[in-house]
C-alpha atoms as a PDB file:
ATOM      1  CA  MET A   1      24.655 -17.198   4.730  1.00  0.00           C
ATOM      2  CA  ASP A   2      25.377 -15.537   8.089  1.00  0.00           C
ATOM      3  CA  LEU A   3      22.432 -15.300  10.424  1.00  0.00           C
ATOM      4  CA  LEU A   4      22.791 -11.534  10.705  1.00  0.00           C
ATOM      5  CA  LEU A   5      22.560 -11.173   6.905  1.00  0.00           C
ATOM      6  CA  LEU A   6      19.528 -13.406   6.808  1.00  0.00           C
ATOM      7  CA  ILE A   7      17.749 -11.313   9.446  1.00  0.00           C
ATOM      8  CA  ALA A   8      18.706  -8.189   7.542  1.00  0.00           C
ATOM      9  CA  ALA A   9      17.121  -9.681   4.383  1.00  0.00           C
ATOM     10  CA  LEU A  10      13.952 -10.656   6.249  1.00  0.00           C
ATOM     11  CA  GLY A  11      13.765  -7.189   7.722  1.00  0.00           C
ATOM     12  CA  ALA A  12      14.021  -5.560   4.325  1.00  0.00           C
ATOM     13  CA  THR A  13      11.242  -7.765   2.981  1.00  0.00           C
ATOM     14  CA  THR A  14       8.909  -7.125   5.881  1.00  0.00           C
ATOM     15  CA  GLY A  15       9.774  -3.422   6.108  1.00  0.00           C
ATOM     16  CA  PHE A  16       8.868  -2.943   2.419  1.00  0.00           C
ATOM     17  CA  LEU A  17       5.479  -4.634   2.885  1.00  0.00           C
ATOM     18  CA  SER A  18       4.874  -2.560   6.011  1.00  0.00           C
ATOM     19  CA  GLY A  19       5.389   0.687   4.178  1.00  0.00           C
ATOM     20  CA  LEU A  20       3.484  -0.463   1.109  1.00  0.00           C
ATOM     21  CA  LEU A  21       0.390  -1.701   2.928  1.00  0.00           C
ATOM     22  CA  GLY A  22       0.444   0.378   6.132  1.00  0.00           C
ATOM     23  CA  ILE A  23       0.714  -2.566   8.569  1.00  0.00           C
ATOM     24  CA  GLY A  24       3.080  -3.074  11.473  1.00  0.00           C
ATOM     25  CA  GLY A  25       4.327  -6.281   9.901  1.00  0.00           C
ATOM     26  CA  GLY A  26       4.178  -8.649  12.849  1.00  0.00           C
ATOM     27  CA  ILE A  27       1.927 -11.137  11.020  1.00  0.00           C
ATOM     28  CA  ILE A  28       4.685 -11.402   8.419  1.00  0.00           C
ATOM     29  CA  MET A  29       7.875 -11.043  10.487  1.00  0.00           C
ATOM     30  CA  ALA A  30       7.053 -13.572  13.201  1.00  0.00           C
ATOM     31  CA  PRO A  31       6.462 -16.570  10.863  1.00  0.00           C
ATOM     32  CA  LEU A  32       9.582 -15.654   8.790  1.00  0.00           C
ATOM     33  CA  LEU A  33      11.759 -15.554  11.880  1.00  0.00           C
ATOM     34  CA  LEU A  34      10.336 -18.818  13.167  1.00  0.00           C
ATOM     35  CA  TYR A  35      10.520 -20.910  10.011  1.00  0.00           C
ATOM     36  CA  VAL A  36      13.112 -19.470   7.592  1.00  0.00           C
ATOM     37  CA  PRO A  37      16.323 -19.809   9.735  1.00  0.00           C
ATOM     38  CA  PRO A  38      15.801 -23.539  10.375  1.00  0.00           C
ATOM     39  CA  LEU A  39      15.101 -24.149   6.682  1.00  0.00           C
ATOM     40  CA  LEU A  40      18.522 -22.626   5.855  1.00  0.00           C
ATOM     41  CA  GLY A  41      20.383 -24.711   8.467  1.00  0.00           C
ATOM     42  CA  PHE A  42      20.411 -22.189  11.412  1.00  0.00           C
ATOM     43  CA  GLU A  43      19.415 -22.975  14.962  1.00  0.00           C
ATOM     44  CA  PRO A  44      15.742 -22.081  15.500  1.00  0.00           C
ATOM     45  CA  LEU A  45      15.174 -18.756  17.285  1.00  0.00           C
ATOM     46  CA  THR A  46      13.353 -18.927  20.577  1.00  0.00           C
ATOM     47  CA  MET A  47       9.851 -17.500  20.858  1.00  0.00           C
ATOM     48  CA  ARG A  48      11.226 -14.874  23.219  1.00  0.00           C
ATOM     49  CA  ALA A  49      13.797 -13.720  20.631  1.00  0.00           C
ATOM     50  CA  VAL A  50      11.239 -13.751  17.823  1.00  0.00           C
ATOM     51  CA  ALA A  51       8.788 -11.637  19.858  1.00  0.00           C
ATOM     52  CA  GLY A  52      11.457  -9.136  20.722  1.00  0.00           C
ATOM     53  CA  LEU A  53      12.726  -8.824  17.150  1.00  0.00           C
ATOM     54  CA  THR A  54       9.169  -8.555  15.811  1.00  0.00           C
ATOM     55  CA  ILE A  55       8.561  -5.566  18.107  1.00  0.00           C
ATOM     56  CA  VAL A  56      11.787  -3.902  16.977  1.00  0.00           C
ATOM     57  CA  GLN A  57      10.817  -4.469  13.320  1.00  0.00           C
ATOM     58  CA  GLY A  58       7.320  -3.062  13.954  1.00  0.00           C
ATOM     59  CA  LEU A  59       8.631   0.037  15.733  1.00  0.00           C
ATOM     60  CA  ALA A  60      11.176   0.816  13.027  1.00  0.00           C
ATOM     61  CA  ALA A  61       8.756   0.222  10.183  1.00  0.00           C
ATOM     62  CA  CYS A  62       5.954   2.293  11.816  1.00  0.00           C
ATOM     63  CA  ILE A  63       8.212   5.299  12.364  1.00  0.00           C
ATOM     64  CA  SER A  64       9.763   5.258   8.901  1.00  0.00           C
ATOM     65  CA  GLY A  65       6.593   4.422   7.021  1.00  0.00           C
ATOM     66  CA  ALA A  66       4.381   6.839   8.904  1.00  0.00           C
ATOM     67  CA  LEU A  67       6.757   9.778   8.304  1.00  0.00           C
ATOM     68  CA  THR A  68       6.906   9.005   4.592  1.00  0.00           C
ATOM     69  CA  HIS A  69       3.123   8.668   4.209  1.00  0.00           C
ATOM     70  CA  ARG A  70       2.732  11.917   6.117  1.00  0.00           C
ATOM     71  CA  ARG A  71       4.986  13.729   3.631  1.00  0.00           C
ATOM     72  CA  PHE A  72       2.641  12.548   0.853  1.00  0.00           C
ATOM     73  CA  GLY A  73      -0.337  13.994   2.747  1.00  0.00           C
ATOM     74  CA  SER A  74      -1.963  10.567   3.208  1.00  0.00           C
ATOM     75  CA  MET A  75      -2.099  10.679   7.013  1.00  0.00           C
ATOM     76  CA  SER A  76      -4.816  12.310   9.108  1.00  0.00           C
ATOM     77  CA  ASP A  77      -3.511  13.613  12.448  1.00  0.00           C
ATOM     78  CA  ARG A  78      -7.022  13.820  13.816  1.00  0.00           C
ATOM     79  CA  LEU A  79      -7.806  10.207  12.797  1.00  0.00           C
ATOM     80  CA  VAL A  80      -4.605   9.071  14.501  1.00  0.00           C
ATOM     81  CA  LEU A  81      -5.589  10.904  17.673  1.00  0.00           C
ATOM     82  CA  TYR A  82      -9.148   9.551  17.774  1.00  0.00           C
ATOM     83  CA  MET A  83      -8.116   5.955  17.059  1.00  0.00           C
ATOM     84  CA  GLY A  84      -4.639   5.781  18.571  1.00  0.00           C
ATOM     85  CA  THR A  85      -5.684   6.696  22.095  1.00  0.00           C
ATOM     86  CA  PRO A  86      -8.586   4.167  22.477  1.00  0.00           C
ATOM     87  CA  ILE A  87      -6.666   1.296  20.895  1.00  0.00           C
ATOM     88  CA  PHE A  88      -3.739   1.926  23.295  1.00  0.00           C
ATOM     89  CA  VAL A  89      -5.990   1.983  26.379  1.00  0.00           C
ATOM     90  CA  ALA A  90      -8.214  -0.890  25.223  1.00  0.00           C
ATOM     91  CA  ALA A  91      -5.209  -3.117  24.375  1.00  0.00           C
ATOM     92  CA  ALA A  92      -3.781  -2.558  27.834  1.00  0.00           C
ATOM     93  CA  ILE A  93      -7.139  -3.495  29.443  1.00  0.00           C
ATOM     94  CA  GLY A  94      -7.426  -6.517  27.244  1.00  0.00           C
ATOM     95  CA  GLY A  95      -3.951  -7.704  28.030  1.00  0.00           C
ATOM     96  CA  ALA A  96      -4.621  -7.412  31.781  1.00  0.00           C
ATOM     97  CA  ALA A  97      -7.950  -9.253  31.547  1.00  0.00           C
ATOM     98  CA  ALA A  98      -6.665 -12.049  29.268  1.00  0.00           C
ATOM     99  CA  ARG A  99      -6.244 -14.492  32.148  1.00  0.00           C
ATOM    100  CA  PHE A 100      -9.998 -14.430  32.910  1.00  0.00           C
ATOM    101  CA  VAL A 101     -11.254 -15.315  29.407  1.00  0.00           C
ATOM    102  CA  PRO A 102     -10.791 -18.630  27.456  1.00  0.00           C
ATOM    103  CA  ASN A 103      -8.137 -17.801  24.863  1.00  0.00           C
ATOM    104  CA  ARG A 104      -9.357 -20.471  22.345  1.00  0.00           C
ATOM    105  CA  ILE A 105     -12.791 -18.940  22.022  1.00  0.00           C
ATOM    106  CA  LEU A 106     -11.389 -15.423  21.694  1.00  0.00           C
ATOM    107  CA  LEU A 107      -8.964 -16.546  18.987  1.00  0.00           C
ATOM    108  CA  GLY A 108     -11.885 -18.021  17.069  1.00  0.00           C
ATOM    109  CA  VAL A 109     -13.727 -14.667  17.240  1.00  0.00           C
ATOM    110  CA  PHE A 110     -10.600 -12.865  16.225  1.00  0.00           C
ATOM    111  CA  GLY A 111     -10.064 -15.228  13.296  1.00  0.00           C
ATOM    112  CA  LEU A 112     -13.703 -14.716  12.193  1.00  0.00           C
ATOM    113  CA  LEU A 113     -13.195 -10.943  12.375  1.00  0.00           C
ATOM    114  CA  ALA A 114     -10.066 -11.253  10.237  1.00  0.00           C
ATOM    115  CA  ALA A 115     -11.935 -13.347   7.626  1.00  0.00           C
ATOM    116  CA  VAL A 116     -14.718 -10.719   7.407  1.00  0.00           C
ATOM    117  CA  ALA A 117     -12.061  -7.955   7.143  1.00  0.00           C
ATOM    118  CA  ALA A 118     -10.469  -9.720   4.172  1.00  0.00           C
ATOM    119  CA  LEU A 119     -13.861  -9.810   2.436  1.00  0.00           C
ATOM    120  CA  LEU A 120     -14.452  -6.147   3.136  1.00  0.00           C
ATOM    121  CA  MET A 121     -11.188  -5.299   1.291  1.00  0.00           C
ATOM    122  CA  LEU A 122     -12.642  -6.903  -1.821  1.00  0.00           C
ATOM    123  CA  VAL A 123     -15.743  -4.668  -1.774  1.00  0.00           C
ATOM    124  CA  PRO A 124     -15.193  -1.575  -3.918  1.00  0.00           C
ATOM    125  CA  MET A 125     -15.526   1.752  -2.161  1.00  0.00           C
ATOM    126  CA  ARG A 126     -17.311   4.760  -3.517  1.00  0.00           C
ATOM    127  CA  ARG A 127     -15.241   7.876  -3.778  1.00  0.00           C
ATOM    128  CA  ASP A 128     -12.063   6.030  -2.914  1.00  0.00           C
ATOM    129  CA  GLY A 129      -9.741   8.522  -4.652  1.00  0.00           C
ATOM    130  CA  GLU A 130      -6.224   7.982  -5.761  1.00  0.00           C
ATOM    131  CA  ARG A 131      -4.977  11.217  -4.185  1.00  0.00           C
ATOM    132  CA  PRO A 132      -7.013  12.037  -1.006  1.00  0.00           C
ATOM    133  CA  GLN A 133      -5.530  14.444   1.473  1.00  0.00           C
ATOM    134  CA  GLY A 134      -5.487  13.719   5.178  1.00  0.00           C
ATOM    135  CA  PHE A 135      -5.605  17.251   6.437  1.00  0.00           C
ATOM    136  CA  ASP A 136      -9.217  17.833   5.331  1.00  0.00           C
ATOM    137  CA  LEU A 137     -10.568  14.339   6.140  1.00  0.00           C
ATOM    138  CA  VAL A 138     -14.128  14.200   7.437  1.00  0.00           C
ATOM    139  CA  PHE A 139     -15.055  11.040   9.397  1.00  0.00           C
ATOM    140  CA  SER A 140     -17.320   9.764  12.184  1.00  0.00           C
ATOM    141  CA  ARG A 141     -15.547  10.230  15.486  1.00  0.00           C
ATOM    142  CA  SER A 142     -17.785   7.769  17.304  1.00  0.00           C
ATOM    143  CA  ARG A 143     -17.189   5.066  14.682  1.00  0.00           C
ATOM    144  CA  ALA A 144     -13.453   5.682  14.717  1.00  0.00           C
ATOM    145  CA  VAL A 145     -13.284   5.369  18.523  1.00  0.00           C
ATOM    146  CA  ALA A 146     -15.510   2.287  18.569  1.00  0.00           C
ATOM    147  CA  SER A 147     -13.455   0.462  15.870  1.00  0.00           C
ATOM    148  CA  ALA A 148     -10.149   1.195  17.562  1.00  0.00           C
ATOM    149  CA  ALA A 149     -11.394   0.261  21.033  1.00  0.00           C
ATOM    150  CA  GLY A 150     -12.968  -3.004  19.813  1.00  0.00           C
ATOM    151  CA  VAL A 151      -9.841  -4.171  17.908  1.00  0.00           C
ATOM    152  CA  GLY A 152      -7.579  -3.076  20.779  1.00  0.00           C
ATOM    153  CA  LEU A 153      -9.589  -4.887  23.439  1.00  0.00           C
ATOM    154  CA  LEU A 154      -9.904  -8.117  21.501  1.00  0.00           C
ATOM    155  CA  GLY A 155      -6.284  -7.931  20.305  1.00  0.00           C
ATOM    156  CA  GLY A 156      -5.104  -7.406  23.838  1.00  0.00           C
ATOM    157  CA  LEU A 157      -7.135 -10.356  25.107  1.00  0.00           C
ATOM    158  CA  VAL A 158      -5.729 -12.794  22.543  1.00  0.00           C
ATOM    159  CA  GLY A 159      -2.209 -11.354  22.273  1.00  0.00           C
ATOM    160  CA  GLN A 160      -2.509 -10.136  18.712  1.00  0.00           C
ATOM    161  CA  GLY A 161      -1.794  -6.629  17.431  1.00  0.00           C
ATOM    162  CA  GLY A 162      -4.828  -6.499  15.087  1.00  0.00           C
ATOM    163  CA  SER A 163      -3.527  -3.606  12.995  1.00  0.00           C
ATOM    164  CA  PHE A 164      -4.299  -5.600   9.825  1.00  0.00           C
ATOM    165  CA  ILE A 165      -7.996  -5.500  10.806  1.00  0.00           C
ATOM    166  CA  LEU A 166      -8.022  -1.764  11.414  1.00  0.00           C
ATOM    167  CA  ILE A 167      -7.617  -0.822   7.762  1.00  0.00           C
ATOM    168  CA  PRO A 168     -10.744  -2.649   6.563  1.00  0.00           C
ATOM    169  CA  LEU A 169     -12.675  -1.200   9.452  1.00  0.00           C
ATOM    170  CA  MET A 170     -11.445   2.258   8.644  1.00  0.00           C
ATOM    171  CA  THR A 171     -12.407   1.966   4.963  1.00  0.00           C
ATOM    172  CA  SER A 172     -15.771   0.251   5.298  1.00  0.00           C
ATOM    173  CA  PHE A 173     -17.121   1.357   8.716  1.00  0.00           C
ATOM    174  CA  VAL A 174     -15.462   4.753   9.339  1.00  0.00           C
ATOM    175  CA  ARG A 175     -15.546   5.579   5.590  1.00  0.00           C
ATOM    176  CA  VAL A 176     -11.877   6.619   5.274  1.00  0.00           C
ATOM    177  CA  PRO A 177     -10.205   6.507   1.850  1.00  0.00           C
ATOM    178  CA  THR A 178      -7.820   3.543   1.492  1.00  0.00           C
ATOM    179  CA  ARG A 179      -4.644   5.604   1.123  1.00  0.00           C
ATOM    180  CA  ILE A 180      -5.366   7.601   4.235  1.00  0.00           C
ATOM    181  CA  ALA A 181      -6.275   4.414   6.152  1.00  0.00           C
ATOM    182  CA  ILE A 182      -2.907   2.875   5.095  1.00  0.00           C
ATOM    183  CA  GLY A 183      -0.928   6.014   6.001  1.00  0.00           C
ATOM    184  CA  SER A 184      -2.736   6.661   9.303  1.00  0.00           C
ATOM    185  CA  ASN A 185      -2.664   3.029  10.425  1.00  0.00           C
ATOM    186  CA  LEU A 186       1.114   3.004  10.852  1.00  0.00           C
ATOM    187  CA  ALA A 187       0.956   6.001  13.207  1.00  0.00           C
ATOM    188  CA  ILE A 188      -1.971   4.451  15.179  1.00  0.00           C
ATOM    189  CA  VAL A 189      -0.073   1.173  15.607  1.00  0.00           C
ATOM    190  CA  LEU A 190       3.077   3.098  16.584  1.00  0.00           C
ATOM    191  CA  LEU A 191       1.552   3.945  19.930  1.00  0.00           C
ATOM    192  CA  SER A 192       0.899   0.406  21.059  1.00  0.00           C
ATOM    193  CA  THR A 193       4.145  -0.856  19.477  1.00  0.00           C
ATOM    194  CA  THR A 194       6.165   1.687  21.463  1.00  0.00           C
ATOM    195  CA  ALA A 195       4.627   0.551  24.698  1.00  0.00           C
ATOM    196  CA  ALA A 196       5.421  -3.073  23.893  1.00  0.00           C
ATOM    197  CA  PHE A 197       8.923  -2.173  22.864  1.00  0.00           C
ATOM    198  CA  ILE A 198       9.643  -0.365  26.169  1.00  0.00           C
ATOM    199  CA  GLY A 199       8.245  -3.307  28.113  1.00  0.00           C
ATOM    200  CA  LYS A 200      10.435  -5.850  26.343  1.00  0.00           C
ATOM    201  CA  ALA A 201      13.540  -3.601  26.340  1.00  0.00           C
ATOM    202  CA  VAL A 202      13.527  -2.938  30.065  1.00  0.00           C
ATOM    203  CA  THR A 203      12.954  -6.595  30.904  1.00  0.00           C
ATOM    204  CA  GLY A 204      15.768  -7.817  28.665  1.00  0.00           C
ATOM    205  CA  GLN A 205      13.625  -9.597  26.077  1.00  0.00           C
ATOM    206  CA  ILE A 206      15.333  -8.160  23.002  1.00  0.00           C
ATOM    207  CA  GLU A 207      18.450  -9.707  21.336  1.00  0.00           C
ATOM    208  CA  TRP A 208      20.183  -6.411  20.490  1.00  0.00           C
ATOM    209  CA  LEU A 209      22.875  -7.976  18.327  1.00  0.00           C
ATOM    210  CA  LEU A 210      20.220  -9.426  16.046  1.00  0.00           C
ATOM    211  CA  ALA A 211      18.178  -6.247  16.206  1.00  0.00           C
ATOM    212  CA  VAL A 212      20.870  -4.036  14.670  1.00  0.00           C
ATOM    213  CA  PRO A 213      20.796  -5.468  11.141  1.00  0.00           C
ATOM    214  CA  LEU A 214      16.988  -5.519  11.351  1.00  0.00           C
ATOM    215  CA  VAL A 215      16.778  -1.808  11.983  1.00  0.00           C
ATOM    216  CA  LEU A 216      19.377  -1.011   9.347  1.00  0.00           C
ATOM    217  CA  THR A 217      17.251  -2.635   6.634  1.00  0.00           C
ATOM    218  CA  VAL A 218      13.742  -2.051   7.875  1.00  0.00           C
ATOM    219  CA  VAL A 219      13.990   1.752   8.022  1.00  0.00           C
ATOM    220  CA  PRO A 220      14.971   2.277   4.361  1.00  0.00           C
ATOM    221  CA  ALA A 221      12.778  -0.575   3.164  1.00  0.00           C
ATOM    222  CA  ALA A 222       9.681   0.834   4.850  1.00  0.00           C
ATOM    223  CA  HIS A 223      10.479   4.265   3.444  1.00  0.00           C
ATOM    224  CA  PHE A 224      10.797   2.777  -0.044  1.00  0.00           C
ATOM    225  CA  GLY A 225       7.609   0.728   0.394  1.00  0.00           C
ATOM    226  CA  SER A 226       5.721   3.864   1.436  1.00  0.00           C
ATOM    227  CA  ARG A 227       6.876   5.697  -1.679  1.00  0.00           C
ATOM    228  CA  VAL A 228       5.918   2.784  -3.919  1.00  0.00           C
ATOM    229  CA  SER A 229       2.527   2.593  -2.242  1.00  0.00           C
ATOM    230  CA  HIS A 230       1.594   5.920  -3.736  1.00  0.00           C
ATOM    231  CA  ARG A 231       2.364   4.676  -7.249  1.00  0.00           C
ATOM    232  CA  VAL A 232       0.211   1.549  -6.939  1.00  0.00           C
ATOM    233  CA  PRO A 233      -3.525   1.872  -7.818  1.00  0.00           C
ATOM    234  CA  VAL A 234      -5.807   1.761  -4.770  1.00  0.00           C
ATOM    235  CA  LEU A 235      -7.660  -1.278  -6.081  1.00  0.00           C
ATOM    236  CA  GLN A 236      -4.417  -3.258  -6.277  1.00  0.00           C
ATOM    237  CA  LEU A 237      -3.496  -2.320  -2.740  1.00  0.00           C
ATOM    238  CA  ARG A 238      -6.892  -3.450  -1.490  1.00  0.00           C
ATOM    239  CA  ARG A 239      -6.463  -6.824  -3.228  1.00  0.00           C
ATOM    240  CA  VAL A 240      -3.012  -7.406  -1.749  1.00  0.00           C
ATOM    241  CA  LEU A 241      -4.270  -6.448   1.699  1.00  0.00           C
ATOM    242  CA  ALA A 242      -7.194  -8.890   1.260  1.00  0.00           C
ATOM    243  CA  VAL A 243      -4.762 -11.747   0.485  1.00  0.00           C
ATOM    244  CA  LEU A 244      -2.513 -10.852   3.426  1.00  0.00           C
ATOM    245  CA  ILE A 245      -5.443 -10.568   5.877  1.00  0.00           C
ATOM    246  CA  SER A 246      -6.793 -13.924   4.587  1.00  0.00           C
ATOM    247  CA  LEU A 247      -3.422 -15.598   5.348  1.00  0.00           C
ATOM    248  CA  ALA A 248      -3.531 -14.070   8.835  1.00  0.00           C
ATOM    249  CA  ALA A 249      -7.047 -15.474   9.331  1.00  0.00           C
ATOM    250  CA  VAL A 250      -5.885 -18.923   8.224  1.00  0.00           C
ATOM    251  CA  ARG A 251      -2.945 -18.756  10.616  1.00  0.00           C
ATOM    252  CA  ILE A 252      -5.261 -17.819  13.491  1.00  0.00           C
ATOM    253  CA  TRP A 253      -7.722 -20.584  12.747  1.00  0.00           C
ATOM    254  CA  THR A 254      -4.861 -23.054  12.504  1.00  0.00           C
ATOM    255  CA  SER A 255      -3.917 -22.106  16.079  1.00  0.00           C
ATOM    256  CA  VAL A 256      -7.578 -22.544  17.160  1.00  0.00           C
ATOM    257  CA  LEU A 257      -8.136 -25.980  15.507  1.00  0.00           C
ATOM    258  CA  PHE A 258      -4.734 -27.649  15.992  1.00  0.00           C
ATOM    259  CA  SER A 259      -3.316 -26.200  19.229  1.00  0.00           C
END
């Protein structure tokens, strides 16, 4: 199999999951790019190339998935505004301050937060409707800002996006219905992903030849995943998210214990 076709296939897989679950997809895409090509006989991709392609995948998936979820009415523009702005600012501050804080300890805290987030996804929510509408969503502004700022700051400090933790916090702490949390999360993550994409693009950290097949498959796959998301019962979506977040927590703790 040609490497470009393989990357296209990985993009389709990750794009579908991004649209389905409302996540940027970096926690899925990065390991796939690191480990799958060598398993199939290709030269391993460098960490720089993987990081650049992961950002491209995240940007394409967020745009495609967010637009689709918005058409279904499962995105709250006000929630995106109140959470997108603080997570963007906090992530920038965390990234700048990272050199002053021991990364190993912070990763442990981040891994613990991910483990708690996975458990929260298994707790049933009251009034978690199948067809909530984002335009009339009522939520606590202070809780929304605090959640976004906390995840953004800690994520910036340890070099993790943290979008997979936002959804459990939105549903359990901010009291947002699961479907609206999934739809809005893609737009929230889009802000920070765009900033990272610009930074990597202008400094030549993106392999554009490899990025083309990625975009061509991620965009339609994320659109399809978003449409499928609205046909899957909320309880099933929460369970899949719990499994995915648990895997992310394991991966983070592996870095803490064995690095």
